Amino acid sequence: MTGRALAATGAFVWRHREIVRAFAVRVAWWGALVAWWTVALELLGGGPLDIERALLVFATGAAVCAMVVVLGRASRMRWWGGALGSVHGMCAVIVWLVANA
């Protein structure tokens, strides 16, 4: 039963791979945006800073955005992925500089 369901799911994904890719790219972009937003608000909140967590989230977000640039078919998704990845990178550099000042 499980093998048949897995085979059917794989066949569906293979038949509709362009739609699945477009959906995955958009989910990845929105996930990176939400990650950046939550950490940026936490850093601007004035409370105690968890520098390691912030750097990890920013680095992961930049990597996810790089995958959006590589896998995205639409030019606007590649452009926005590059822009958001640059924001993640800039925030990581700023946090690192502030932490090591």
Foldseek 3Di string as FASTA:
>chain_A
DVVVVVVVVVVVCVVVVVVVLQVVLVVLLVVLVVLVVVLVCVVVVPDDDPLVVLLVSLVVSLVSLVVSLVSPPDPVSNVSSVVSSVVSVVVNVVSVVVVVD
